[in-house]
């Protein structure tokens, strides 16, 4: 194999490995407090997002919160200077997506959204570990 071809393959290989690392690494980075997507039952009778057909792949934090006994998803840390939020999916992304589905379902000055799911109505918002029922940062 000629030297130029070997160098070209080496460079392409390094680029591929770098892109793979860039895609996987941010999910493991985390700093600061934990954020949770919290779904609490509500009797709000205004507009709501129909969440009957939501996908677990599209809304992993929401489906985890709806399935959890305490109504909270797994924790999410924002990471180092916003680097992680550029490359990973977050609870903030899910609330924004729900708000775009039904703008009239937005509550709390844009911090929450009301959804209909399994014959129940829930108020969905992002909370930190210190809010609500005392989940620890540990």
Protein backbone atom coordinates (compact mmCIF):
# COMPACT_ATOMS: atom_id res chain seq x y z
CA UNK A 1 0.00 0.00 0.00
CA UNK A 2 1.34 3.38 -0.89
CA UNK A 3 2.20 5.85 1.81
CA UNK A 4 -0.40 8.44 0.71
CA UNK A 5 -3.19 5.86 0.73
CA UNK A 6 -2.18 4.62 4.16
CA UNK A 7 -2.16 8.20 5.51
CA UNK A 8 -5.56 8.91 3.94
CA UNK A 9 -7.05 5.78 5.52
CA UNK A 10 -5.52 6.70 8.86
CA UNK A 11 -7.01 10.20 8.71
CA UNK A 12 -10.44 8.87 7.71
CA UNK A 13 -10.26 6.35 10.55
CA UNK A 14 -9.37 9.05 13.08
CA UNK A 15 -12.23 11.23 11.87
CA UNK A 16 -14.70 8.32 12.19
CA UNK A 17 -13.47 7.47 15.70
CA UNK A 18 -13.63 11.15 16.67
CA UNK A 19 -17.20 11.50 15.43
CA UNK A 20 -18.27 8.34 17.25
CA UNK A 21 -16.69 9.61 20.47
CA UNK A 22 -18.36 12.99 20.02
CA UNK A 23 -21.72 11.25 19.70
CA UNK A 24 -21.30 8.98 22.72
CA UNK A 25 -19.20 11.00 25.14
CA UNK A 26 -21.59 13.88 25.96
CA UNK A 27 -24.16 11.47 27.35
CA UNK A 28 -21.67 10.42 30.02
CA UNK A 29 -20.61 13.92 30.96
CA UNK A 30 -22.46 15.68 33.69
CA UNK A 31 -21.94 18.44 36.18
CA UNK A 32 -24.16 20.35 38.52
CA UNK A 33 -27.58 19.54 39.82
CA UNK A 34 -29.93 16.89 38.48
CA UNK A 35 -33.04 17.79 36.51
CA UNK A 36 -36.09 15.52 36.35
CA UNK A 37 -39.18 15.53 34.20
CA UNK A 38 -42.08 15.36 36.63
CA UNK A 39 -45.64 14.39 35.72
CA UNK A 40 -48.21 15.16 38.43
CA UNK A 41 -51.92 14.46 38.22
CA UNK A 42 -54.00 17.59 37.76
CA UNK A 43 -57.63 18.57 37.40
CA UNK A 44 -56.85 21.44 35.02
CA UNK A 45 -59.69 21.55 32.49
CA UNK A 46 -58.01 23.68 29.81
CA UNK A 47 -56.37 22.55 26.59
CA UNK A 48 -53.97 19.59 26.77
CA UNK A 49 -51.59 17.66 24.55
CA UNK A 50 -52.95 14.26 23.51
CA UNK A 51 -50.11 12.01 24.64
CA UNK A 52 -51.80 8.66 24.02
CA UNK A 53 -49.57 7.76 21.10
CA UNK A 54 -46.24 9.12 22.33
CA UNK A 55 -43.18 7.06 21.53
CA UNK A 56 -40.76 5.86 24.20
CA UNK A 57 -37.94 6.54 21.75
CA UNK A 58 -39.06 10.14 21.12
CA UNK A 59 -40.03 10.94 24.73
CA UNK A 60 -37.92 8.72 27.03
CA UNK A 61 -38.08 11.10 30.01
CA UNK A 62 -41.86 11.58 29.72
CA UNK A 63 -42.62 7.88 29.41
CA UNK A 64 -40.32 7.16 32.38
CA UNK A 65 -42.05 9.82 34.47
CA UNK A 66 -45.51 8.49 33.59
CA UNK A 67 -44.46 4.93 34.47
CA UNK A 68 -42.65 5.82 37.72
CA UNK A 69 -44.34 5.54 41.11
CA UNK A 70 -43.16 9.00 42.14
CA UNK A 71 -43.89 10.60 38.75
CA UNK A 72 -40.27 11.48 38.03
CA UNK A 73 -37.97 10.46 35.23
CA UNK A 74 -34.31 9.56 35.55
CA UNK A 75 -32.00 12.42 36.40
CA UNK A 76 -30.28 14.57 33.79
CA UNK A 77 -27.24 16.79 34.31
CA UNK A 78 -26.68 19.67 31.93
CA UNK A 79 -22.94 19.17 31.67
CA UNK A 80 -19.98 21.32 30.96
CA UNK A 81 -20.86 24.80 29.69
CA UNK A 82 -23.75 23.71 27.49
CA UNK A 83 -21.60 21.25 25.50
CA UNK A 84 -23.78 18.31 26.47
CA UNK A 85 -27.11 19.96 25.60
CA UNK A 86 -25.95 20.48 22.03
CA UNK A 87 -25.41 16.75 21.46
CA UNK A 88 -27.87 14.99 23.78
CA UNK A 89 -31.59 14.73 24.34
CA UNK A 90 -32.88 16.33 27.55
CA UNK A 91 -36.11 16.76 29.53
CA UNK A 92 -36.07 20.39 28.41
CA UNK A 93 -36.28 19.23 24.78
CA UNK A 94 -39.32 17.10 25.58
CA UNK A 95 -41.20 19.92 27.31
CA UNK A 96 -40.42 22.21 24.36
CA UNK A 97 -41.67 19.58 21.90
CA UNK A 98 -44.90 19.09 23.87
CA UNK A 99 -45.44 22.84 23.99
CA UNK A 100 -45.06 23.04 20.23
CA UNK A 101 -47.61 20.25 19.72
CA UNK A 102 -50.31 22.23 21.56
CA UNK A 103 -49.41 25.84 22.44
CA UNK A 104 -52.68 26.29 24.36
CA UNK A 105 -51.60 23.55 26.83
CA UNK A 106 -48.66 25.63 28.11
CA UNK A 107 -48.87 26.58 31.80
CA UNK A 108 -46.68 28.35 34.38
CA UNK A 109 -45.45 31.04 31.96
CA UNK A 110 -43.92 28.43 29.64
CA UNK A 111 -42.39 26.17 32.29
CA UNK A 112 -44.99 23.40 32.13
CA UNK A 113 -47.49 21.72 29.87
CA UNK A 114 -50.68 19.72 30.48
CA UNK A 115 -51.07 16.34 28.78
CA UNK A 116 -53.80 13.70 28.50
CA UNK A 117 -52.55 10.14 28.92
CA UNK A 118 -54.37 6.88 29.82
CA UNK A 119 -57.61 8.61 30.84
CA UNK A 120 -55.68 10.91 33.16
CA UNK A 121 -54.50 14.49 32.95
CA UNK A 122 -50.97 15.41 34.04
CA UNK A 123 -49.00 18.59 34.51
CA UNK A 124 -45.50 18.02 33.12
CA UNK A 125 -42.57 20.20 34.11
CA UNK A 126 -38.82 20.03 34.67
CA UNK A 127 -37.80 20.14 38.34
CA UNK A 128 -34.52 19.95 40.23
CA UNK A 129 -33.68 17.49 42.97
CA UNK A 130 -34.49 20.01 45.72
CA UNK A 131 -38.03 20.65 44.49
CA UNK A 132 -41.09 18.55 45.16
CA UNK A 133 -40.86 15.42 47.27
CA UNK A 134 -37.20 15.41 48.25
CA UNK A 135 -35.23 13.34 45.75
CA UNK A 136 -31.56 13.61 46.71
CA UNK A 137 -28.67 14.62 44.47
CA UNK A 138 -26.71 11.50 45.42
